[in-house]
Amino acid sequence: MQFAIRSTNYQNQSMLNICDAELLGKKIIEGELTMHISEGYYGERFVEKDEAESLLKTSSIINMAGKETISLSLKLGIGSEKAVKTVSDVPFLIIFNM
């Protein structure tokens, strides 16, 4: 399984945008809501599961999308199922570790 990631520094915090690789470039539509899983936001490069785990563990701010990404995060104890929001069967989760 590959993950698409973009890693940046935001206000002196490490920020990770990560999603399931197959979601990159897709539009998620539910009712009047349209979300674009853009390459500009998530697609700096692709990583394998081991590197994704390491990035999830060390990032302060994490924006996640996709079933595999959210599942990996929850398995690592990062985030809560209660905080996961789903749009058109695609789960999303945002984490702030300050």
PDB file of N, CA and C in Angstrom:
ATOM      1  N   MET A   1       0.848  -1.190   0.000  1.00  0.00           N
ATOM      2  CA  MET A   1       0.000   0.000   0.000  1.00  0.00           C
ATOM      3  C   MET A   1       0.883   1.239   0.000  1.00  0.00           C
ATOM      4  N   GLN A   2       0.577   2.149  -0.900  1.00  0.00           N
ATOM      5  CA  GLN A   2       1.299   3.421  -0.932  1.00  0.00           C
ATOM      6  C   GLN A   2       0.408   4.540  -0.419  1.00  0.00           C
ATOM      7  N   PHE A   3       1.088   5.563   0.097  1.00  0.00           N
ATOM      8  CA  PHE A   3       0.430   6.747   0.607  1.00  0.00           C
ATOM      9  C   PHE A   3       1.013   7.958  -0.100  1.00  0.00           C
ATOM     10  N   ALA A   4       0.169   8.933  -0.402  1.00  0.00           N
ATOM     11  CA  ALA A   4       0.631  10.199  -0.970  1.00  0.00           C
ATOM     12  C   ALA A   4       0.797  11.170   0.191  1.00  0.00           C
ATOM     13  N   ILE A   5       1.939  11.869   0.220  1.00  0.00           N
ATOM     14  CA  ILE A   5       2.194  12.777   1.341  1.00  0.00           C
ATOM     15  C   ILE A   5       2.751  14.105   0.872  1.00  0.00           C
ATOM     16  N   ARG A   6       2.524  15.119   1.690  1.00  0.00           N
ATOM     17  CA  ARG A   6       3.194  16.409   1.573  1.00  0.00           C
ATOM     18  C   ARG A   6       3.540  16.797   3.002  1.00  0.00           C
ATOM     19  N   SER A   7       4.813  17.013   3.235  1.00  0.00           N
ATOM     20  CA  SER A   7       5.295  17.354   4.565  1.00  0.00           C
ATOM     21  C   SER A   7       5.824  18.784   4.531  1.00  0.00           C
ATOM     22  N   THR A   8       5.361  19.617   5.473  1.00  0.00           N
ATOM     23  CA  THR A   8       5.779  21.013   5.522  1.00  0.00           C
ATOM     24  C   THR A   8       5.983  21.440   6.976  1.00  0.00           C
ATOM     25  N   ASN A   9       6.445  22.649   7.133  1.00  0.00           N
ATOM     26  CA  ASN A   9       6.586  23.252   8.452  1.00  0.00           C
ATOM     27  C   ASN A   9       5.553  24.379   8.529  1.00  0.00           C
ATOM     28  N   TYR A  10       4.706  24.352   9.540  1.00  0.00           N
ATOM     29  CA  TYR A  10       3.676  25.369   9.718  1.00  0.00           C
ATOM     30  C   TYR A  10       3.789  25.920  11.132  1.00  0.00           C
ATOM     31  N   GLN A  11       4.106  27.193  11.248  1.00  0.00           N
ATOM     32  CA  GLN A  11       4.260  27.863  12.542  1.00  0.00           C
ATOM     33  C   GLN A  11       5.150  27.053  13.488  1.00  0.00           C
ATOM     34  N   ASN A  12       6.317  26.656  12.971  1.00  0.00           N
ATOM     35  CA  ASN A  12       7.306  25.882  13.718  1.00  0.00           C
ATOM     36  C   ASN A  12       6.821  24.508  14.170  1.00  0.00           C
ATOM     37  N   GLN A  13       5.818  23.975  13.503  1.00  0.00           N
ATOM     38  CA  GLN A  13       5.315  22.629  13.776  1.00  0.00           C
ATOM     39  C   GLN A  13       5.418  21.804  12.495  1.00  0.00           C
ATOM     40  N   SER A  14       5.710  20.523  12.632  1.00  0.00           N
ATOM     41  CA  SER A  14       5.747  19.655  11.456  1.00  0.00           C
ATOM     42  C   SER A  14       4.314  19.288  11.063  1.00  0.00           C
ATOM     43  N   MET A  15       3.955  19.588   9.812  1.00  0.00           N
ATOM     44  CA  MET A  15       2.614  19.311   9.319  1.00  0.00           C
ATOM     45  C   MET A  15       2.691  18.265   8.215  1.00  0.00           C
ATOM     46  N   LEU A  16       1.837  17.263   8.312  1.00  0.00           N
ATOM     47  CA  LEU A  16       1.787  16.178   7.344  1.00  0.00           C
ATOM     48  C   LEU A  16       0.396  16.111   6.731  1.00  0.00           C
ATOM     49  N   ASN A  17       0.341  16.162   5.409  1.00  0.00           N
ATOM     50  CA  ASN A  17      -0.889  15.888   4.669  1.00  0.00           C
ATOM     51  C   ASN A  17      -0.680  14.518   4.051  1.00  0.00           C
ATOM     52  N   ILE A  18      -1.562  13.570   4.341  1.00  0.00           N
ATOM     53  CA  ILE A  18      -1.385  12.194   3.894  1.00  0.00           C
ATOM     54  C   ILE A  18      -2.722  11.580   3.492  1.00  0.00           C
ATOM     55  N   CYS A  19      -2.698  10.839   2.383  1.00  0.00           N
ATOM     56  CA  CYS A  19      -3.921  10.168   1.933  1.00  0.00           C
ATOM     57  C   CYS A  19      -3.563   8.854   1.249  1.00  0.00           C
ATOM     58  N   ASP A  20      -4.552   8.002   1.072  1.00  0.00           N
ATOM     59  CA  ASP A  20      -4.378   6.795   0.282  1.00  0.00           C
ATOM     60  C   ASP A  20      -3.988   7.224  -1.127  1.00  0.00           C
ATOM     61  N   ALA A  21      -2.966   6.610  -1.688  1.00  0.00           N
ATOM     62  CA  ALA A  21      -2.432   7.035  -2.986  1.00  0.00           C
ATOM     63  C   ALA A  21      -3.491   7.032  -4.086  1.00  0.00           C
ATOM     64  N   GLU A  22      -4.404   6.081  -4.062  1.00  0.00           N
ATOM     65  CA  GLU A  22      -5.406   6.009  -5.137  1.00  0.00           C
ATOM     66  C   GLU A  22      -6.437   7.136  -5.084  1.00  0.00           C
ATOM     67  N   LEU A  23      -6.478   7.882  -3.986  1.00  0.00           N
ATOM     68  CA  LEU A  23      -7.407   9.012  -3.886  1.00  0.00           C
ATOM     69  C   LEU A  23      -6.864  10.282  -4.545  1.00  0.00           C
ATOM     70  N   LEU A  24      -5.566  10.331  -4.776  1.00  0.00           N
ATOM     71  CA  LEU A  24      -4.933  11.538  -5.300  1.00  0.00           C
ATOM     72  C   LEU A  24      -5.546  11.946  -6.647  1.00  0.00           C
ATOM     73  N   GLY A  25      -5.983  13.196  -6.707  1.00  0.00           N
ATOM     74  CA  GLY A  25      -6.597  13.725  -7.918  1.00  0.00           C
ATOM     75  C   GLY A  25      -8.097  13.494  -8.028  1.00  0.00           C
ATOM     76  N   LYS A  26      -8.695  12.804  -7.076  1.00  0.00           N
ATOM     77  CA  LYS A  26     -10.139  12.492  -7.121  1.00  0.00           C
ATOM     78  C   LYS A  26     -10.976  13.619  -6.530  1.00  0.00           C
ATOM     79  N   LYS A  27     -12.195  13.718  -7.014  1.00  0.00           N
ATOM     80  CA  LYS A  27     -13.191  14.621  -6.427  1.00  0.00           C
ATOM     81  C   LYS A  27     -14.166  13.784  -5.619  1.00  0.00           C
ATOM     82  N   ILE A  28     -14.404  14.215  -4.412  1.00  0.00           N
ATOM     83  CA  ILE A  28     -15.338  13.551  -3.512  1.00  0.00           C
ATOM     84  C   ILE A  28     -16.578  14.426  -3.446  1.00  0.00           C
ATOM     85  N   ILE A  29     -17.722  13.872  -3.821  1.00  0.00           N
ATOM     86  CA  ILE A  29     -18.953  14.655  -3.878  1.00  0.00           C
ATOM     87  C   ILE A  29     -20.013  14.009  -3.003  1.00  0.00           C
ATOM     88  N   GLU A  30     -20.624  14.824  -2.154  1.00  0.00           N
ATOM     89  CA  GLU A  30     -21.746  14.386  -1.329  1.00  0.00           C
ATOM     90  C   GLU A  30     -22.719  15.546  -1.233  1.00  0.00           C
ATOM     91  N   GLY A  31     -23.865  15.401  -1.859  1.00  0.00           N
ATOM     92  CA  GLY A  31     -24.837  16.491  -1.889  1.00  0.00           C
ATOM     93  C   GLY A  31     -24.235  17.701  -2.577  1.00  0.00           C
ATOM     94  N   GLU A  32     -24.277  18.846  -1.891  1.00  0.00           N
ATOM     95  CA  GLU A  32     -23.729  20.080  -2.456  1.00  0.00           C
ATOM     96  C   GLU A  32     -22.246  20.262  -2.137  1.00  0.00           C
ATOM     97  N   LEU A  33     -21.666  19.349  -1.351  1.00  0.00           N
ATOM     98  CA  LEU A  33     -20.262  19.431  -0.963  1.00  0.00           C
ATOM     99  C   LEU A  33     -19.379  18.717  -1.981  1.00  0.00           C
ATOM    100  N   THR A  34     -18.351  19.406  -2.466  1.00  0.00           N
ATOM    101  CA  THR A  34     -17.351  18.812  -3.351  1.00  0.00           C
ATOM    102  C   THR A  34     -15.976  19.069  -2.767  1.00  0.00           C
ATOM    103  N   MET A  35     -15.214  18.004  -2.578  1.00  0.00           N
ATOM    104  CA  MET A  35     -13.851  18.109  -2.063  1.00  0.00           C
ATOM    105  C   MET A  35     -12.911  17.509  -3.094  1.00  0.00           C
ATOM    106  N   HIS A  36     -11.790  18.174  -3.322  1.00  0.00           N
ATOM    107  CA  HIS A  36     -10.805  17.681  -4.276  1.00  0.00           C
ATOM    108  C   HIS A  36      -9.570  17.233  -3.518  1.00  0.00           C
ATOM    109  N   ILE A  37      -9.193  15.982  -3.697  1.00  0.00           N
ATOM    110  CA  ILE A  37      -7.974  15.451  -3.085  1.00  0.00           C
ATOM    111  C   ILE A  37      -6.836  15.815  -4.049  1.00  0.00           C
ATOM    112  N   SER A  38      -6.307  17.005  -3.895  1.00  0.00           N
ATOM    113  CA  SER A  38      -5.407  17.575  -4.903  1.00  0.00           C
ATOM    114  C   SER A  38      -3.950  17.159  -4.713  1.00  0.00           C
ATOM    115  N   GLU A  39      -3.249  17.100  -5.840  1.00  0.00           N
ATOM    116  CA  GLU A  39      -1.818  16.823  -5.824  1.00  0.00           C
ATOM    117  C   GLU A  39      -1.068  17.952  -5.122  1.00  0.00           C
ATOM    118  N   GLY A  40      -1.552  19.173  -5.264  1.00  0.00           N
ATOM    119  CA  GLY A  40      -0.911  20.310  -4.620  1.00  0.00           C
ATOM    120  C   GLY A  40      -0.939  20.230  -3.108  1.00  0.00           C
ATOM    121  N   TYR A  41      -1.952  19.582  -2.544  1.00  0.00           N
ATOM    122  CA  TYR A  41      -2.091  19.494  -1.091  1.00  0.00           C
ATOM    123  C   TYR A  41      -1.494  18.199  -0.536  1.00  0.00           C
ATOM    124  N   TYR A  42      -1.728  17.089  -1.225  1.00  0.00           N
ATOM    125  CA  TYR A  42      -1.308  15.781  -0.723  1.00  0.00           C
ATOM    126  C   TYR A  42      -0.163  15.137  -1.508  1.00  0.00           C
ATOM    127  N   GLY A  43       0.151  15.618  -2.699  1.00  0.00           N
ATOM    128  CA  GLY A  43       0.962  14.825  -3.602  1.00  0.00           C
ATOM    129  C   GLY A  43       2.404  15.203  -3.818  1.00  0.00           C
ATOM    130  N   GLU A  44       3.128  15.546  -2.799  1.00  0.00           N
ATOM    131  CA  GLU A  44       4.553  15.841  -2.969  1.00  0.00           C
ATOM    132  C   GLU A  44       5.322  14.588  -3.409  1.00  0.00           C
ATOM    133  N   ARG A  45       5.013  13.459  -2.739  1.00  0.00           N
ATOM    134  CA  ARG A  45       5.661  12.197  -3.094  1.00  0.00           C
ATOM    135  C   ARG A  45       4.870  11.024  -2.526  1.00  0.00           C
ATOM    136  N   PHE A  46       5.260   9.819  -2.952  1.00  0.00           N
ATOM    137  CA  PHE A  46       4.624   8.600  -2.471  1.00  0.00           C
ATOM    138  C   PHE A  46       5.560   7.882  -1.512  1.00  0.00           C
ATOM    139  N   VAL A  47       4.976   7.300  -0.461  1.00  0.00           N
ATOM    140  CA  VAL A  47       5.762   6.548   0.514  1.00  0.00           C
ATOM    141  C   VAL A  47       5.083   5.213   0.790  1.00  0.00           C
ATOM    142  N   GLU A  48       5.875   4.285   1.283  1.00  0.00           N
ATOM    143  CA  GLU A  48       5.358   2.973   1.689  1.00  0.00           C
ATOM    144  C   GLU A  48       4.903   3.047   3.148  1.00  0.00           C
ATOM    145  N   LYS A  49       4.293   1.973   3.621  1.00  0.00           N
ATOM    146  CA  LYS A  49       3.694   1.930   4.951  1.00  0.00           C
ATOM    147  C   LYS A  49       4.680   2.270   6.069  1.00  0.00           C
ATOM    148  N   ASP A  50       5.898   1.736   6.016  1.00  0.00           N
ATOM    149  CA  ASP A  50       6.869   1.993   7.091  1.00  0.00           C
ATOM    150  C   ASP A  50       7.178   3.475   7.240  1.00  0.00           C
ATOM    151  N   GLU A  51       7.399   4.151   6.115  1.00  0.00           N
ATOM    152  CA  GLU A  51       7.690   5.588   6.186  1.00  0.00           C
ATOM    153  C   GLU A  51       6.459   6.373   6.610  1.00  0.00           C
ATOM    154  N   ALA A  52       5.272   5.946   6.151  1.00  0.00           N
ATOM    155  CA  ALA A  52       4.030   6.604   6.559  1.00  0.00           C
ATOM    156  C   ALA A  52       3.863   6.516   8.075  1.00  0.00           C
ATOM    157  N   GLU A  53       4.131   5.354   8.648  1.00  0.00           N
ATOM    158  CA  GLU A  53       4.042   5.180  10.101  1.00  0.00           C
ATOM    159  C   GLU A  53       4.969   6.144  10.823  1.00  0.00           C
ATOM    160  N   SER A  54       6.199   6.219  10.361  1.00  0.00           N
ATOM    161  CA  SER A  54       7.180   7.102  10.983  1.00  0.00           C
ATOM    162  C   SER A  54       6.740   8.566  10.913  1.00  0.00           C
ATOM    163  N   LEU A  55       6.253   8.985   9.763  1.00  0.00           N
ATOM    164  CA  LEU A  55       5.783  10.369   9.595  1.00  0.00           C
ATOM    165  C   LEU A  55       4.577  10.662  10.477  1.00  0.00           C
ATOM    166  N   LEU A  56       3.648   9.707  10.569  1.00  0.00           N
ATOM    167  CA  LEU A  56       2.473   9.892  11.425  1.00  0.00           C
ATOM    168  C   LEU A  56       2.885  10.051  12.887  1.00  0.00           C
ATOM    169  N   LYS A  57       3.862   9.261  13.322  1.00  0.00           N
ATOM    170  CA  LYS A  57       4.307   9.294  14.717  1.00  0.00           C
ATOM    171  C   LYS A  57       5.043  10.581  15.070  1.00  0.00           C
ATOM    172  N   THR A  58       5.673  11.232  14.101  1.00  0.00           N
ATOM    173  CA  THR A  58       6.530  12.376  14.406  1.00  0.00           C
ATOM    174  C   THR A  58       5.944  13.733  14.003  1.00  0.00           C
ATOM    175  N   SER A  59       4.779  13.752  13.386  1.00  0.00           N
ATOM    176  CA  SER A  59       4.190  15.017  12.934  1.00  0.00           C
ATOM    177  C   SER A  59       3.300  15.627  14.006  1.00  0.00           C
ATOM    178  N   SER A  60       3.292  16.945  14.083  1.00  0.00           N
ATOM    179  CA  SER A  60       2.483  17.661  15.070  1.00  0.00           C
ATOM    180  C   SER A  60       1.061  17.927  14.572  1.00  0.00           C
ATOM    181  N   ILE A  61       0.937  18.219  13.287  1.00  0.00           N
ATOM    182  CA  ILE A  61      -0.359  18.498  12.664  1.00  0.00           C
ATOM    183  C   ILE A  61      -0.509  17.522  11.507  1.00  0.00           C
ATOM    184  N   ILE A  62      -1.625  16.785  11.479  1.00  0.00           N
ATOM    185  CA  ILE A  62      -1.808  15.768  10.440  1.00  0.00           C
ATOM    186  C   ILE A  62      -3.192  15.917   9.821  1.00  0.00           C
ATOM    187  N   ASN A  63      -3.228  16.064   8.505  1.00  0.00           N
ATOM    188  CA  ASN A  63      -4.477  16.079   7.736  1.00  0.00           C
ATOM    189  C   ASN A  63      -4.522  14.773   6.955  1.00  0.00           C
ATOM    190  N   MET A  64      -5.520  13.938   7.227  1.00  0.00           N
ATOM    191  CA  MET A  64      -5.577  12.599   6.638  1.00  0.00           C
ATOM    192  C   MET A  64      -6.859  12.371   5.855  1.00  0.00           C
ATOM    193  N   ALA A  65      -6.735  11.546   4.809  1.00  0.00           N
ATOM    194  CA  ALA A  65      -7.903  11.133   4.034  1.00  0.00           C
ATOM    195  C   ALA A  65      -7.690   9.714   3.527  1.00  0.00           C
ATOM    196  N   GLY A  66      -8.745   8.927   3.591  1.00  0.00           N
ATOM    197  CA  GLY A  66      -8.691   7.577   3.033  1.00  0.00           C
ATOM    198  C   GLY A  66      -8.770   6.488   4.087  1.00  0.00           C
ATOM    199  N   LYS A  67      -9.352   5.372   3.705  1.00  0.00           N
ATOM    200  CA  LYS A  67      -9.570   4.260   4.634  1.00  0.00           C
ATOM    201  C   LYS A  67      -8.273   3.672   5.156  1.00  0.00           C
ATOM    202  N   GLU A  68      -7.287   3.441   4.285  1.00  0.00           N
ATOM    203  CA  GLU A  68      -6.022   2.848   4.718  1.00  0.00           C
ATOM    204  C   GLU A  68      -5.246   3.804   5.622  1.00  0.00           C
ATOM    205  N   THR A  69      -5.230   5.080   5.263  1.00  0.00           N
ATOM    206  CA  THR A  69      -4.518   6.083   6.056  1.00  0.00           C
ATOM    207  C   THR A  69      -5.114   6.203   7.448  1.00  0.00           C
ATOM    208  N   ILE A  70      -6.433   6.319   7.518  1.00  0.00           N
ATOM    209  CA  ILE A  70      -7.112   6.460   8.818  1.00  0.00           C
ATOM    210  C   ILE A  70      -6.937   5.188   9.640  1.00  0.00           C
ATOM    211  N   SER A  71      -7.058   4.030   9.006  1.00  0.00           N
ATOM    212  CA  SER A  71      -6.877   2.762   9.705  1.00  0.00           C
ATOM    213  C   SER A  71      -5.470   2.662  10.311  1.00  0.00           C
ATOM    214  N   LEU A  72      -4.455   3.039   9.541  1.00  0.00           N
ATOM    215  CA  LEU A  72      -3.080   3.015  10.037  1.00  0.00           C
ATOM    216  C   LEU A  72      -2.915   3.969  11.220  1.00  0.00           C
ATOM    217  N   SER A  73      -3.457   5.159  11.105  1.00  0.00           N
ATOM    218  CA  SER A  73      -3.361   6.147  12.174  1.00  0.00           C
ATOM    219  C   SER A  73      -4.003   5.628  13.463  1.00  0.00           C
ATOM    220  N   LEU A  74      -5.203   5.102  13.362  1.00  0.00           N
ATOM    221  CA  LEU A  74      -5.900   4.596  14.547  1.00  0.00           C
ATOM    222  C   LEU A  74      -5.155   3.408  15.150  1.00  0.00           C
ATOM    223  N   LYS A  75      -4.594   2.548  14.299  1.00  0.00           N
ATOM    224  CA  LYS A  75      -3.800   1.403  14.774  1.00  0.00           C
ATOM    225  C   LYS A  75      -2.593   1.879  15.589  1.00  0.00           C
ATOM    226  N   LEU A  76      -2.012   3.014  15.195  1.00  0.00           N
ATOM    227  CA  LEU A  76      -0.865   3.584  15.905  1.00  0.00           C
ATOM    228  C   LEU A  76      -1.276   4.372  17.147  1.00  0.00           C
ATOM    229  N   GLY A  77      -2.580   4.496  17.392  1.00  0.00           N
ATOM    230  CA  GLY A  77      -3.063   5.251  18.548  1.00  0.00           C
ATOM    231  C   GLY A  77      -3.098   6.746  18.301  1.00  0.00           C
ATOM    232  N   ILE A  78      -3.080   7.135  17.033  1.00  0.00           N
ATOM    233  CA  ILE A  78      -3.119   8.549  16.661  1.00  0.00           C
ATOM    234  C   ILE A  78      -4.540   8.874  16.218  1.00  0.00           C
ATOM    235  N   GLY A  79      -5.235   9.657  17.031  1.00  0.00           N
ATOM    236  CA  GLY A  79      -6.612  10.014  16.715  1.00  0.00           C
ATOM    237  C   GLY A  79      -7.610   9.067  17.348  1.00  0.00           C
ATOM    238  N   SER A  80      -8.867   9.382  17.132  1.00  0.00           N
ATOM    239  CA  SER A  80      -9.972   8.616  17.699  1.00  0.00           C
ATOM    240  C   SER A  80     -11.027   8.369  16.621  1.00  0.00           C
ATOM    241  N   GLU A  81     -11.616   7.189  16.654  1.00  0.00           N
ATOM    242  CA  GLU A  81     -12.683   6.897  15.689  1.00  0.00           C
ATOM    243  C   GLU A  81     -13.816   7.911  15.783  1.00  0.00           C
ATOM    244  N   LYS A  82     -14.050   8.442  16.975  1.00  0.00           N
ATOM    245  CA  LYS A  82     -15.113   9.428  17.164  1.00  0.00           C
ATOM    246  C   LYS A  82     -14.863  10.708  16.381  1.00  0.00           C
ATOM    247  N   ALA A  83     -13.590  11.016  16.111  1.00  0.00           N
ATOM    248  CA  ALA A  83     -13.233  12.253  15.410  1.00  0.00           C
ATOM    249  C   ALA A  83     -13.229  12.099  13.892  1.00  0.00           C
ATOM    250  N   VAL A  84     -13.355  10.879  13.398  1.00  0.00           N
ATOM    251  CA  VAL A  84     -13.321  10.636  11.954  1.00  0.00           C
ATOM    252  C   VAL A  84     -14.638  11.097  11.327  1.00  0.00           C
ATOM    253  N   LYS A  85     -14.528  11.895  10.279  1.00  0.00           N
ATOM    254  CA  LYS A  85     -15.698  12.345   9.513  1.00  0.00           C
ATOM    255  C   LYS A  85     -15.649  11.672   8.148  1.00  0.00           C
ATOM    256  N   THR A  86     -16.797  11.292   7.640  1.00  0.00           N
ATOM    257  CA  THR A  86     -16.857  10.598   6.356  1.00  0.00           C
ATOM    258  C   THR A  86     -17.664  11.417   5.358  1.00  0.00           C
ATOM    259  N   VAL A  87     -17.091  11.592   4.178  1.00  0.00           N
ATOM    260  CA  VAL A  87     -17.757  12.278   3.079  1.00  0.00           C
ATOM    261  C   VAL A  87     -17.772  11.313   1.901  1.00  0.00           C
ATOM    262  N   SER A  88     -18.960  10.932   1.462  1.00  0.00           N
ATOM    263  CA  SER A  88     -19.121  10.025   0.332  1.00  0.00           C
ATOM    264  C   SER A  88     -18.240   8.779   0.487  1.00  0.00           C
ATOM    265  N   ASP A  89     -18.292   8.156   1.661  1.00  0.00           N
ATOM    266  CA  ASP A  89     -17.580   6.920   1.983  1.00  0.00           C
ATOM    267  C   ASP A  89     -16.057   7.086   2.094  1.00  0.00           C
ATOM    268  N   VAL A  90     -15.556   8.315   2.126  1.00  0.00           N
ATOM    269  CA  VAL A  90     -14.122   8.568   2.309  1.00  0.00           C
ATOM    270  C   VAL A  90     -13.933   9.200   3.685  1.00  0.00           C
ATOM    271  N   PRO A  91     -13.194   8.522   4.573  1.00  0.00           N
ATOM    272  CA  PRO A  91     -12.964   9.091   5.911  1.00  0.00           C
ATOM    273  C   PRO A  91     -11.877  10.171   5.903  1.00  0.00           C
ATOM    274  N   PHE A  92     -12.066  11.168   6.775  1.00  0.00           N
ATOM    275  CA  PHE A  92     -11.127  12.271   6.956  1.00  0.00           C
ATOM    276  C   PHE A  92     -10.878  12.436   8.443  1.00  0.00           C
ATOM    277  N   LEU A  93      -9.657  12.843   8.796  1.00  0.00           N
ATOM    278  CA  LEU A  93      -9.304  13.063  10.192  1.00  0.00           C
ATOM    279  C   LEU A  93      -8.207  14.125  10.255  1.00  0.00           C
ATOM    280  N   ILE A  94      -8.333  15.055  11.174  1.00  0.00           N
ATOM    281  CA  ILE A  94      -7.315  16.084  11.399  1.00  0.00           C
ATOM    282  C   ILE A  94      -6.844  15.981  12.839  1.00  0.00           C
ATOM    283  N   ILE A  95      -5.531  15.975  13.034  1.00  0.00           N
ATOM    284  CA  ILE A  95      -4.921  15.842  14.351  1.00  0.00           C
ATOM    285  C   ILE A  95      -4.038  17.044  14.640  1.00  0.00           C
ATOM    286  N   PHE A  96      -4.129  17.587  15.851  1.00  0.00           N
ATOM    287  CA  PHE A  96      -3.240  18.650  16.318  1.00  0.00           C
ATOM    288  C   PHE A  96      -2.564  18.161  17.588  1.00  0.00           C
ATOM    289  N   ASN A  97      -1.279  17.954  17.547  1.00  0.00           N
ATOM    290  CA  ASN A  97      -0.468  17.579  18.731  1.00  0.00           C
ATOM    291  C   ASN A  97       0.423  18.755  19.055  1.00  0.00           C
ATOM    292  N   MET A  98      -0.012  19.611  19.956  1.00  0.00           N
ATOM    293  CA  MET A  98       0.783  20.795  20.299  1.00  0.00           C
ATOM    294  C   MET A  98       1.495  20.617  21.604  1.00  0.00           C
TER     295      MET A  98
END
